[in-house]
Amino acid sequence: MADQNIIENRLKHLESHLEKENPVLLNAVQSFRELDKVAYRMGLLSRSESFATQIPWWPLISILGTFSAGKSTFINNYLETQLQRSGNQAVDDKFTVICYSEDPTPHALPGVALDSDPRFPFYKISREIELVAQGEGDRIDAYLQLKSCNSERLKGKILIDSPGFDADAQRTSTLRITDHMVDLSDLVLVFFDARHPEPGAMRDTLEHLVSKTIHRPDSGKFLYILNQIDTTAQEDNPEEVIAAWQRALGEHGLTAGRFYTIYSPTASIQIEDDQLRQRYESKRDKDLAEIHGRMAQVEIERAYRIVAALEKTAREIEERVIPTLTDALSRWKKRVLWLDGIIFGLIAALILGLGISQGQLGNWWQWIRETTLHSGIFLAVVLGGGYALHLGLRKLAARSLSGWLGKQEQGLPVKIDLAGAFHKSTRPWRSLMSKTPAGLGRATRRKLSALINRADEFVQQLNDRFTNPSGLTEAEQATTNEENAVERTNLEASPAAEKE
């Protein structure tokens, strides 16, 4: 009940915030509530959980890459404040979640502030860490910290600064958190160091943030950045360094994407040649402007992402989860019937065999007839025992499918309890002959279809808000709509329309 209240309070807080910020997303929260009800009925979701809490509602920007690639300096320049420590050596060995605060004084809070607050994307991340590294879940402060900053650029978004990947003593848990961040983020900036563009110096980054991401459906949210390119001015060989970097990316399968070469305006080396300096600065400013532009757009991308998550979850239930449960019920039914046939057949054969071997078969049959005629107790005992044995075989058959169901869950993009739904569909009072999962009826199917259609409507509303193909103002568009309505009315009332 306590967890259920936490979820409800979180959704109410979210609705209160979105009521002013984005009415379309407010409607999306309400649609998630309806999807939750479908999942509750089917047993796909605990009542202390919600699909809405499985996605971040704040726009997230993750900044990843190698040690000393200039990630912290980039963040400080972007926020226009010295928030993150920076240097040539690794200065931050934990993930830093940075959010806006009206307090002009920055604050640094321990990881438990993120792990225990359901409003942040790292809520209960300690459980995930514990799964991959036993005992590390209690050391959440060694992995995460929360910082606040009074920067206007932070309003409405969250930045996440990461430690580098090279030779990390907490490698397994760090990569687990990184995967979590990448999945939730609206934009991922992957930094490389122009001073070390060779493959060996960025091996872990190439393997984890290039090879594993190029085939993702959201690969467009990754920006690949070669930082500190000003160091090449001493040799005047930026083309060679960039070519070496892109060859390294290409060797790991990345041949297309967004590539940038930048350096810090405040921590760069002095370039004495005016013409060379202007060439470097021009390229840097152009790329920084594009990167900052993408960072400013994450709120719009966030809105589409959330609506897409609503549609994707509803479709997953309709097109994948329901067929999987139906298949599981069919497998379960076959196994139960086979077990019933084998066990009850063996019992019957055993009794028959004993009777024949001892020559008592006729006497047993006579005794059963007489007992049954005078009392139904024996029959009740036999039937009750047989039914209890049948129920035990049902449970055994259901358990035999747990591994198969677990594998099906692993491929789902959202947290769905297939095993729980299957258990609900195989309860004792559910008929063995039922082919439909529990909680699934015509009303449920109609609701799923309606939610999918509603998600499409939300996309259209977002398009109306952020785009205007006609180029008309709202007043001009309203006038055009009225004229079109009058024209349609006149056409419908024309003699030709009446004749038709």
Protein backbone atom coordinates (compact mmCIF):
# COMPACT_ATOMS: atom_id res chain seq x y z
CA MET A 1 0.00 0.00 0.00
CA ALA A 2 2.87 2.40 0.82
CA ASP A 3 4.46 1.85 -2.61
CA GLN A 4 1.07 2.33 -4.25
CA ASN A 5 0.67 5.68 -2.47
CA ILE A 6 4.15 6.73 -3.61
CA ILE A 7 3.27 6.01 -7.23
CA GLU A 8 -0.05 7.85 -6.95
CA ASN A 9 1.60 10.89 -5.37
CA ARG A 10 4.26 10.90 -8.03
CA LEU A 11 1.68 10.83 -10.83
CA LYS A 12 -0.33 13.64 -9.18
CA HIS A 13 2.83 15.74 -8.83
CA LEU A 14 3.64 15.08 -12.48
CA GLU A 15 0.12 16.03 -13.61
CA SER A 16 0.28 19.23 -11.57
CA HIS A 17 3.54 20.20 -13.26
CA LEU A 18 2.42 19.30 -16.79
CA GLU A 19 -0.90 21.11 -16.44
CA LYS A 20 0.99 24.37 -16.91
CA GLU A 21 3.92 23.19 -19.00
CA ASN A 22 2.44 20.86 -21.62
CA PRO A 23 -1.28 19.92 -21.78
CA VAL A 24 -0.56 17.23 -24.40
CA LEU A 25 1.73 15.40 -21.98
CA LEU A 26 -0.85 15.86 -19.22
CA ASN A 27 -3.27 13.90 -21.38
CA ALA A 28 -0.52 11.34 -21.96
CA VAL A 29 -0.21 10.77 -18.19
CA GLN A 30 -3.94 10.11 -18.02
CA SER A 31 -3.61 7.66 -20.91
CA PHE A 32 -0.82 5.88 -19.07
CA ARG A 33 -3.21 5.54 -16.12
CA GLU A 34 -5.72 3.80 -18.40
CA LEU A 35 -2.99 1.53 -19.75
CA ASP A 36 -2.04 0.69 -16.16
CA LYS A 37 -5.61 -0.43 -15.48
CA VAL A 38 -5.43 -2.83 -18.44
CA ALA A 39 -2.15 -4.22 -17.08
CA TYR A 40 -3.57 -4.56 -13.55
CA ARG A 41 -6.52 -6.58 -14.82
CA MET A 42 -4.27 -8.91 -16.76
CA GLY A 43 -1.68 -9.21 -13.99
CA LEU A 44 1.06 -7.65 -16.15
CA LEU A 45 1.84 -4.97 -13.59
CA SER A 46 1.81 -4.74 -9.81
CA ARG A 47 -0.62 -2.17 -8.42
CA SER A 48 2.34 -0.46 -6.79
CA GLU A 49 3.79 0.25 -10.24
CA SER A 50 2.91 2.34 -13.28
CA PHE A 51 4.14 2.39 -16.87
CA ALA A 52 4.38 6.17 -16.51
CA THR A 53 7.12 5.80 -13.89
CA GLN A 54 9.25 3.62 -16.16
CA ILE A 55 10.16 6.58 -18.37
CA PRO A 56 11.77 9.93 -17.46
CA TRP A 57 9.46 12.91 -17.85
CA TRP A 58 12.30 15.40 -17.60
CA PRO A 59 14.44 15.89 -20.72
CA LEU A 60 17.76 14.11 -20.13
CA ILE A 61 21.14 14.85 -21.71
CA SER A 62 23.93 12.37 -20.98
CA ILE A 63 27.56 13.34 -21.47
CA LEU A 64 29.80 10.29 -21.82
CA GLY A 65 33.26 9.42 -23.05
CA THR A 66 36.88 8.82 -22.14
CA PHE A 67 38.75 10.18 -19.14
CA SER A 68 40.09 13.71 -19.59
CA ALA A 69 38.17 14.26 -22.81
CA GLY A 70 36.95 17.65 -21.55
CA LYS A 71 33.41 16.63 -20.54
CA SER A 72 33.41 18.63 -17.29
CA THR A 73 34.91 21.70 -18.95
CA PHE A 74 32.25 21.50 -21.67
CA ILE A 75 29.53 21.41 -18.99
CA ASN A 76 31.03 24.36 -17.13
CA ASN A 77 31.16 26.42 -20.33
CA TYR A 78 27.61 25.45 -21.23
CA LEU A 79 26.27 26.38 -17.76
CA GLU A 80 28.53 29.46 -17.63
CA THR A 81 29.67 28.50 -14.12
CA GLN A 82 32.48 26.45 -12.57
CA LEU A 83 30.31 23.62 -11.29
CA GLN A 84 32.35 20.55 -12.24
CA ARG A 85 35.98 19.92 -11.38
CA SER A 86 38.18 19.62 -14.43
CA GLY A 87 41.78 18.67 -15.16
CA ASN A 88 44.08 16.45 -17.17
CA GLN A 89 43.58 13.53 -14.81
CA ALA A 90 40.35 11.75 -13.83
CA VAL A 91 38.72 14.09 -11.31
CA ASP A 92 35.21 12.60 -11.06
CA ASP A 93 34.79 8.89 -10.46
CA LYS A 94 31.00 8.93 -10.19
CA PHE A 95 27.96 9.95 -12.21
CA THR A 96 26.80 13.49 -11.51
CA VAL A 97 23.15 14.39 -12.11
CA ILE A 98 22.84 18.16 -12.54
CA CYS A 99 19.49 19.94 -12.21
CA TYR A 100 18.26 23.51 -11.86
CA SER A 101 17.81 25.27 -8.53
CA GLU A 102 16.70 28.81 -7.73
CA ASP A 103 19.31 28.91 -4.97
CA PRO A 104 22.35 30.75 -6.39
CA THR A 105 24.66 28.56 -4.29
CA PRO A 106 25.35 25.15 -5.88
CA HIS A 107 24.74 22.11 -3.70
CA ALA A 108 26.19 18.59 -3.92
CA LEU A 109 24.04 15.80 -2.50
CA PRO A 110 24.84 12.09 -2.06
CA GLY A 111 23.61 9.33 -4.37
CA VAL A 112 20.87 8.29 -1.96
CA ALA A 113 19.11 11.56 -2.88
CA LEU A 114 18.64 10.10 -6.38
CA ASP A 115 18.08 6.48 -5.39
CA SER A 116 15.25 7.37 -2.99
CA ASP A 117 13.42 10.07 -4.98
CA PRO A 118 10.91 8.70 -7.55
CA ARG A 119 10.99 11.99 -9.47
CA PHE A 120 14.50 11.25 -10.76
CA PRO A 121 15.49 8.66 -13.40
CA PHE A 122 17.78 6.82 -10.96
CA TYR A 123 15.03 5.87 -8.52
CA LYS A 124 15.93 2.47 -6.95
CA ILE A 125 18.97 2.12 -9.21
CA SER A 126 20.72 0.50 -6.21
CA ARG A 127 18.62 -2.61 -6.88
CA GLU A 128 19.97 -2.80 -10.43
CA ILE A 129 23.54 -2.36 -9.18
CA GLU A 130 23.02 -5.12 -6.62
CA LEU A 131 21.94 -7.51 -9.38
CA VAL A 132 25.19 -7.09 -11.29
CA ALA A 133 27.54 -6.66 -8.32
CA GLN A 134 26.44 -8.18 -5.03
CA GLY A 135 26.99 -5.85 -2.09
CA GLU A 136 27.49 -2.76 -4.27
CA GLY A 137 23.87 -1.65 -4.03
CA ASP A 138 24.54 -0.33 -0.52
CA ARG A 139 27.39 1.79 -1.88
CA ILE A 140 25.15 3.98 -4.04
CA ASP A 141 27.03 7.12 -2.92
CA ALA A 142 30.16 5.72 -4.58
CA TYR A 143 28.39 5.75 -7.95
CA LEU A 144 26.05 8.75 -7.97
CA GLN A 145 25.77 12.31 -6.77
CA LEU A 146 23.24 15.11 -7.33
CA LYS A 147 24.26 18.70 -7.96
CA SER A 148 22.07 21.78 -8.23
CA CYS A 149 22.93 24.84 -10.28
CA ASN A 150 21.29 28.21 -10.83
CA SER A 151 21.77 28.33 -14.62
CA GLU A 152 18.99 29.39 -16.97
CA ARG A 153 20.14 26.77 -19.48
CA LEU A 154 19.25 24.03 -17.00
CA LYS A 155 15.61 24.98 -16.67
CA GLY A 156 13.40 22.12 -17.82
CA LYS A 157 16.22 19.62 -18.35
CA ILE A 158 18.72 17.41 -16.53
CA LEU A 159 22.39 16.92 -17.43
CA ILE A 160 24.29 13.78 -16.48
CA ASP A 161 28.09 13.87 -16.36
CA SER A 162 29.78 10.47 -16.32
CA PRO A 163 33.15 9.13 -15.25
CA GLY A 164 35.36 7.82 -18.03
CA PHE A 165 35.36 4.19 -19.11
CA ASP A 166 39.05 3.39 -19.01
CA ALA A 167 40.35 1.02 -16.32
CA ASP A 168 37.41 1.56 -14.00
CA ALA A 169 37.63 -0.54 -10.83
CA GLN A 170 33.84 -0.53 -10.63
CA ARG A 171 33.51 -1.33 -14.31
CA THR A 172 30.53 -3.71 -14.30
CA SER A 173 28.28 -1.49 -12.20
CA THR A 174 29.43 1.63 -14.03
CA LEU A 175 28.51 0.14 -17.39
CA ARG A 176 25.14 -0.95 -15.99
CA ILE A 177 24.36 2.62 -14.94
CA THR A 178 25.62 3.87 -18.30
CA ASP A 179 23.23 1.56 -20.16
CA HIS A 180 20.40 2.82 -17.95
CA MET A 181 21.32 6.44 -18.73
CA VAL A 182 21.59 5.84 -22.46
CA ASP A 183 18.19 4.16 -22.60
CA LEU A 184 16.50 7.06 -20.77
CA SER A 185 18.29 9.98 -22.41
CA ASP A 186 16.88 12.22 -25.11
CA LEU A 187 20.36 13.25 -26.22
CA VAL A 188 23.74 11.54 -25.71
CA LEU A 189 27.01 13.42 -26.25
CA VAL A 190 29.93 11.02 -26.68
CA PHE A 191 33.29 12.75 -26.12
CA PHE A 192 36.70 11.70 -27.46
CA ASP A 193 40.10 13.26 -26.79
CA ALA A 194 41.84 14.73 -29.85
CA ARG A 195 45.17 14.29 -28.05
CA HIS A 196 44.66 10.50 -28.18
CA PRO A 197 42.57 9.69 -31.29
CA GLU A 198 44.06 6.22 -31.76
CA PRO A 199 41.77 3.20 -31.14
CA GLY A 200 43.70 1.83 -28.15
CA ALA A 201 43.21 4.99 -26.07
CA MET A 202 39.44 4.90 -26.43
CA ARG A 203 38.85 1.14 -26.63
CA ASP A 204 36.10 0.95 -23.99
CA THR A 205 34.26 3.98 -25.35
CA LEU A 206 34.37 2.57 -28.87
CA GLU A 207 33.08 -0.81 -27.79
CA HIS A 208 30.34 0.36 -25.44
CA LEU A 209 29.20 3.64 -26.97
CA VAL A 210 29.73 2.96 -30.65
CA SER A 211 29.48 -0.74 -31.45
CA LYS A 212 26.49 -1.26 -29.15
CA THR A 213 24.55 1.81 -30.26
CA ILE A 214 24.77 2.02 -34.04
CA HIS A 215 21.86 -0.39 -34.57
CA ARG A 216 19.58 1.18 -31.96
CA PRO A 217 16.28 2.60 -33.27
CA ASP A 218 17.12 5.87 -31.49
CA SER A 219 20.70 6.10 -32.81
CA GLY A 220 19.97 9.65 -34.00
CA LYS A 221 20.20 10.93 -30.42
CA PHE A 222 23.96 10.22 -30.30
CA LEU A 223 26.39 13.04 -31.14
CA TYR A 224 30.06 12.08 -31.49
CA ILE A 225 32.43 14.85 -30.45
CA LEU A 226 36.19 15.06 -30.86
CA ASN A 227 37.14 17.56 -28.15
CA GLN A 228 40.34 19.58 -27.56
CA ILE A 229 41.01 19.79 -31.29
CA ASP A 230 42.96 23.02 -30.59
CA THR A 231 45.93 20.85 -29.55
CA THR A 232 46.43 19.99 -33.22
CA ALA A 233 47.16 23.63 -34.03
CA GLN A 234 50.74 23.20 -32.81
CA GLU A 235 51.35 20.70 -35.59
CA ASP A 236 48.69 22.15 -37.92
CA ASN A 237 47.38 18.65 -38.66
CA PRO A 238 43.68 18.64 -37.68
CA GLU A 239 42.72 16.74 -40.84
CA GLU A 240 45.05 13.86 -39.95
CA VAL A 241 43.76 13.65 -36.37
CA ILE A 242 40.11 13.78 -37.48
CA ALA A 243 40.77 11.13 -40.13
CA ALA A 244 42.39 8.82 -37.52
CA TRP A 245 39.43 9.33 -35.20
CA GLN A 246 36.84 8.62 -37.88
CA ARG A 247 38.76 5.53 -39.03
CA ALA A 248 38.58 4.23 -35.46
CA LEU A 249 34.83 4.85 -35.42
CA GLY A 250 34.44 3.23 -38.81
CA GLU A 251 36.28 0.10 -37.67
CA HIS A 252 33.55 -0.32 -35.04
CA GLY A 253 30.77 0.06 -37.60
CA LEU A 254 30.00 3.78 -37.31
CA THR A 255 30.12 5.23 -40.81
CA ALA A 256 27.22 7.69 -40.58
CA GLY A 257 26.09 10.05 -37.84
CA ARG A 258 26.71 13.49 -36.42
CA PHE A 259 30.41 14.25 -35.91
CA TYR A 260 31.78 17.43 -34.32
CA THR A 261 35.22 18.84 -33.57
CA ILE A 262 35.37 21.41 -30.79
CA TYR A 263 37.53 22.83 -28.00
CA SER A 264 36.89 24.95 -24.94
CA PRO A 265 36.79 28.74 -25.49
CA THR A 266 38.12 29.20 -21.92
CA ALA A 267 40.68 26.40 -21.62
CA SER A 268 42.35 26.34 -25.03
CA ILE A 269 45.96 26.72 -26.01
CA GLN A 270 47.15 30.00 -27.47
CA ILE A 271 47.16 29.99 -31.29
CA GLU A 272 49.52 32.73 -32.39
CA ASP A 273 48.74 32.69 -36.11
CA ASP A 274 45.67 34.90 -36.59
CA GLN A 275 44.51 33.19 -39.76
CA LEU A 276 44.90 29.73 -38.24
CA ARG A 277 43.15 30.83 -35.03
CA GLN A 278 40.21 32.20 -37.00
CA ARG A 279 39.93 28.94 -38.94
CA TYR A 280 39.86 26.93 -35.71
CA GLU A 281 37.44 29.28 -33.96
CA SER A 282 35.08 29.36 -36.93
CA LYS A 283 34.80 25.58 -37.02
CA ARG A 284 34.50 25.37 -33.22
CA ASP A 285 31.78 28.02 -32.98
CA LYS A 286 29.79 26.43 -35.80
CA ASP A 287 29.86 22.97 -34.17
CA LEU A 288 29.22 24.30 -30.66
CA ALA A 289 26.21 26.25 -31.93
CA GLU A 290 24.77 23.08 -33.47
CA ILE A 291 25.42 21.03 -30.32
CA HIS A 292 23.85 23.69 -28.09
CA GLY A 293 20.93 23.88 -30.49
CA ARG A 294 20.31 20.15 -30.12
CA MET A 295 20.53 20.50 -26.34
CA ALA A 296 17.93 23.26 -26.45
CA GLN A 297 15.60 21.03 -28.46
CA VAL A 298 15.49 18.13 -26.01
CA GLU A 299 12.22 19.32 -24.49
CA ILE A 300 10.50 18.93 -27.86
CA GLU A 301 12.16 15.56 -28.43
CA ARG A 302 11.12 14.53 -24.91
CA ALA A 303 7.45 15.18 -25.73
CA TYR A 304 7.56 12.96 -28.82
CA ARG A 305 9.53 10.30 -26.94
CA ILE A 306 6.92 10.04 -24.19
CA VAL A 307 4.03 9.81 -26.64
CA ALA A 308 5.99 7.18 -28.58
CA ALA A 309 6.53 5.25 -25.34
CA LEU A 310 2.78 5.23 -24.71
CA GLU A 311 2.04 3.87 -28.18
CA LYS A 312 4.92 1.39 -28.05
CA THR A 313 3.84 -0.02 -24.68
CA ALA A 314 0.24 -0.43 -25.81
CA ARG A 315 1.38 -2.09 -29.05
CA GLU A 316 3.76 -4.40 -27.19
CA ILE A 317 0.87 -5.61 -25.04
CA GLU A 318 -1.45 -6.02 -28.02
CA GLU A 319 0.97 -7.48 -30.56
CA ARG A 320 3.53 -9.32 -28.45
CA VAL A 321 2.50 -9.84 -24.82
CA ILE A 322 -0.99 -11.17 -25.49
CA PRO A 323 0.19 -13.65 -28.19
CA THR A 324 3.02 -14.75 -25.87
CA LEU A 325 0.59 -15.39 -23.00
CA THR A 326 -1.77 -17.21 -25.36
CA ASP A 327 1.12 -19.37 -26.54
CA ALA A 328 2.14 -20.03 -22.92
CA LEU A 329 -1.41 -21.13 -22.04
CA SER A 330 -1.43 -23.50 -25.02
CA ARG A 331 1.91 -25.02 -23.95
CA TRP A 332 0.70 -25.26 -20.36
CA LYS A 333 -2.52 -27.01 -21.38
CA LYS A 334 -0.64 -29.61 -23.40
CA ARG A 335 1.77 -30.29 -20.54
CA VAL A 336 -1.06 -30.62 -18.01
CA LEU A 337 -2.93 -33.06 -20.24
CA TRP A 338 0.22 -35.10 -20.78
CA LEU A 339 1.00 -35.17 -17.06
CA ASP A 340 -2.61 -36.07 -16.21
CA GLY A 341 -2.58 -38.86 -18.75
CA ILE A 342 0.77 -40.25 -17.58
CA ILE A 343 0.19 -40.00 -13.80
CA PHE A 344 -3.43 -41.12 -13.72
CA GLY A 345 -2.68 -43.81 -16.29
CA LEU A 346 0.15 -45.11 -14.11
CA ILE A 347 -2.10 -45.13 -11.03
CA ALA A 348 -4.83 -47.01 -12.88
CA ALA A 349 -2.32 -49.45 -14.30
CA LEU A 350 -0.78 -49.96 -10.86
CA ILE A 351 -4.15 -50.74 -9.26
CA LEU A 352 -5.15 -52.99 -12.11
CA GLY A 353 -1.83 -54.77 -12.03
CA LEU A 354 -1.96 -55.36 -8.28
CA GLY A 355 -5.52 -56.64 -8.53
CA ILE A 356 -4.69 -59.05 -11.31
CA SER A 357 -1.49 -60.27 -9.68
CA GLN A 358 -3.26 -61.02 -6.40
CA GLY A 359 -6.50 -62.25 -7.93
CA GLN A 360 -8.43 -59.66 -5.97
CA LEU A 361 -9.71 -57.52 -8.84
CA GLY A 362 -13.26 -58.90 -8.61
CA ASN A 363 -13.37 -58.49 -4.83
CA TRP A 364 -12.11 -54.87 -5.07
CA TRP A 365 -14.72 -53.99 -7.64
CA GLN A 366 -17.49 -55.56 -5.55
CA TRP A 367 -16.32 -53.68 -2.44
CA ILE A 368 -16.21 -50.38 -4.32
CA ARG A 369 -19.75 -50.90 -5.67
CA GLU A 370 -21.12 -51.71 -2.23
CA THR A 371 -19.32 -48.81 -0.56
CA THR A 372 -20.44 -46.37 -3.22
CA LEU A 373 -24.05 -47.56 -2.96
CA HIS A 374 -24.18 -47.05 0.83
CA SER A 375 -22.00 -43.97 1.12
CA GLY A 376 -20.57 -41.25 -1.13
CA ILE A 377 -17.56 -40.77 1.14
CA PHE A 378 -15.29 -43.07 -0.79
CA LEU A 379 -16.26 -41.48 -4.09
CA ALA A 380 -15.70 -38.01 -2.63
CA VAL A 381 -12.28 -39.05 -1.33
CA VAL A 382 -11.29 -40.50 -4.69
CA LEU A 383 -12.54 -37.49 -6.64
CA GLY A 384 -11.05 -35.01 -4.17
CA GLY A 385 -7.71 -36.72 -4.18
CA GLY A 386 -7.73 -36.91 -7.94
CA TYR A 387 -8.58 -33.22 -8.23
CA ALA A 388 -5.86 -32.27 -5.72
CA LEU A 389 -3.37 -34.28 -7.73
CA HIS A 390 -4.58 -32.58 -10.92
CA LEU A 391 -4.04 -29.14 -9.34
CA GLY A 392 -0.56 -30.16 -8.31
CA LEU A 393 0.19 -31.21 -11.87
CA ARG A 394 -1.16 -27.85 -13.13
CA LYS A 395 1.29 -26.04 -10.86
CA LEU A 396 4.13 -28.29 -11.93
CA ALA A 397 3.37 -27.65 -15.59
CA ALA A 398 3.18 -23.88 -14.94
CA ARG A 399 6.56 -23.90 -13.16
CA SER A 400 8.12 -25.74 -16.07
CA LEU A 401 7.39 -22.68 -18.26
CA SER A 402 8.99 -20.12 -15.92
CA GLY A 403 12.35 -20.19 -17.74
CA TRP A 404 10.70 -19.75 -21.13
CA LEU A 405 8.62 -16.82 -19.85
CA GLY A 406 11.73 -15.22 -18.36
CA LYS A 407 13.41 -15.25 -21.77
CA GLN A 408 10.36 -13.62 -23.35
CA GLU A 409 10.44 -10.86 -20.72
CA GLN A 410 14.07 -10.01 -21.51
CA GLY A 411 13.20 -8.80 -24.99
CA LEU A 412 10.46 -6.42 -23.86
CA PRO A 413 11.25 -2.67 -23.93
CA VAL A 414 9.26 -2.02 -20.74
CA LYS A 415 8.96 -3.82 -17.42
CA ILE A 416 6.09 -6.27 -17.85
CA ASP A 417 5.45 -9.19 -15.50
CA LEU A 418 4.71 -12.00 -17.94
CA ALA A 419 5.14 -14.58 -15.20
CA GLY A 420 2.62 -12.78 -12.98
CA ALA A 421 0.06 -12.57 -15.78
CA PHE A 422 0.58 -16.25 -16.59
CA HIS A 423 0.14 -17.19 -12.92
CA LYS A 424 -3.11 -15.23 -12.84
CA SER A 425 -4.30 -17.05 -15.95
CA THR A 426 -3.55 -20.49 -14.47
CA ARG A 427 -5.24 -20.15 -11.09
CA PRO A 428 -7.29 -23.19 -9.94
CA TRP A 429 -10.66 -21.64 -10.82
CA ARG A 430 -9.50 -20.89 -14.37
CA SER A 431 -10.58 -23.55 -16.86
CA LEU A 432 -7.84 -25.61 -18.42
CA MET A 433 -9.63 -25.23 -21.74
CA SER A 434 -9.54 -21.40 -21.66
CA LYS A 435 -7.43 -19.99 -24.50
CA THR A 436 -7.70 -16.36 -23.37
CA PRO A 437 -5.36 -14.81 -20.75
CA ALA A 438 -7.00 -13.53 -17.57
CA GLY A 439 -8.41 -10.02 -17.81
CA LEU A 440 -8.46 -10.05 -21.60
CA GLY A 441 -11.84 -9.46 -23.17
CA ARG A 442 -13.37 -7.36 -25.90
CA ALA A 443 -13.36 -4.28 -23.68
CA THR A 444 -9.64 -4.69 -23.01
CA ARG A 445 -8.83 -5.09 -26.69
CA ARG A 446 -10.92 -2.01 -27.53
CA LYS A 447 -9.12 -0.03 -24.85
CA LEU A 448 -5.69 -0.97 -26.24
CA SER A 449 -6.73 0.01 -29.76
CA ALA A 450 -8.14 3.30 -28.46
CA LEU A 451 -4.90 4.10 -26.62
CA ILE A 452 -2.83 3.44 -29.75
CA ASN A 453 -5.11 5.75 -31.77
CA ARG A 454 -4.95 8.34 -29.02
CA ALA A 455 -1.15 8.32 -29.16
CA ASP A 456 -1.39 9.16 -32.87
CA GLU A 457 -3.69 12.05 -31.97
CA PHE A 458 -1.14 13.29 -29.43
CA VAL A 459 1.53 13.30 -32.14
CA GLN A 460 -0.75 15.39 -34.35
CA GLN A 461 -1.30 17.82 -31.48
CA LEU A 462 2.45 18.10 -30.95
CA ASN A 463 2.91 18.70 -34.68
CA ASP A 464 0.32 21.48 -34.50
CA ARG A 465 2.23 23.00 -31.61
CA PHE A 466 5.76 22.80 -33.01
CA THR A 467 5.19 22.97 -36.78
CA ASN A 468 3.20 25.10 -39.20
CA PRO A 469 3.55 23.83 -42.80
CA SER A 470 1.04 26.35 -44.14
CA GLY A 471 2.90 29.33 -42.67
CA LEU A 472 -0.38 30.89 -41.56
CA THR A 473 -0.92 32.60 -38.23
CA GLU A 474 -3.49 31.14 -35.82
CA ALA A 475 -6.03 33.79 -36.85
CA GLU A 476 -5.42 33.14 -40.56
CA GLN A 477 -5.68 29.38 -40.02
CA ALA A 478 -8.97 29.83 -38.12
CA THR A 479 -10.34 31.96 -40.99
CA THR A 480 -9.25 29.35 -43.53
CA ASN A 481 -10.94 26.60 -41.52
CA GLU A 482 -14.19 28.59 -41.39
CA GLU A 483 -14.09 29.23 -45.15
CA ASN A 484 -13.49 25.53 -45.82
CA ALA A 485 -16.41 24.62 -43.56
CA VAL A 486 -18.72 27.04 -45.41
CA GLU A 487 -17.56 25.67 -48.76
CA ARG A 488 -18.26 22.10 -47.67
CA THR A 489 -21.72 23.12 -46.46
CA ASN A 490 -22.50 24.81 -49.80
CA LEU A 491 -21.34 21.78 -51.76
CA GLU A 492 -23.48 19.46 -49.66
CA ALA A 493 -26.49 21.70 -50.25
CA SER A 494 -25.94 22.09 -54.04
CA PRO A 495 -28.45 20.51 -56.55
CA ALA A 496 -25.78 18.08 -57.74
CA ALA A 497 -25.23 16.88 -54.17
CA GLU A 498 -29.01 16.54 -53.65
CA LYS A 499 -29.33 14.55 -56.89
CA GLU A 500 -26.61 12.18 -55.79
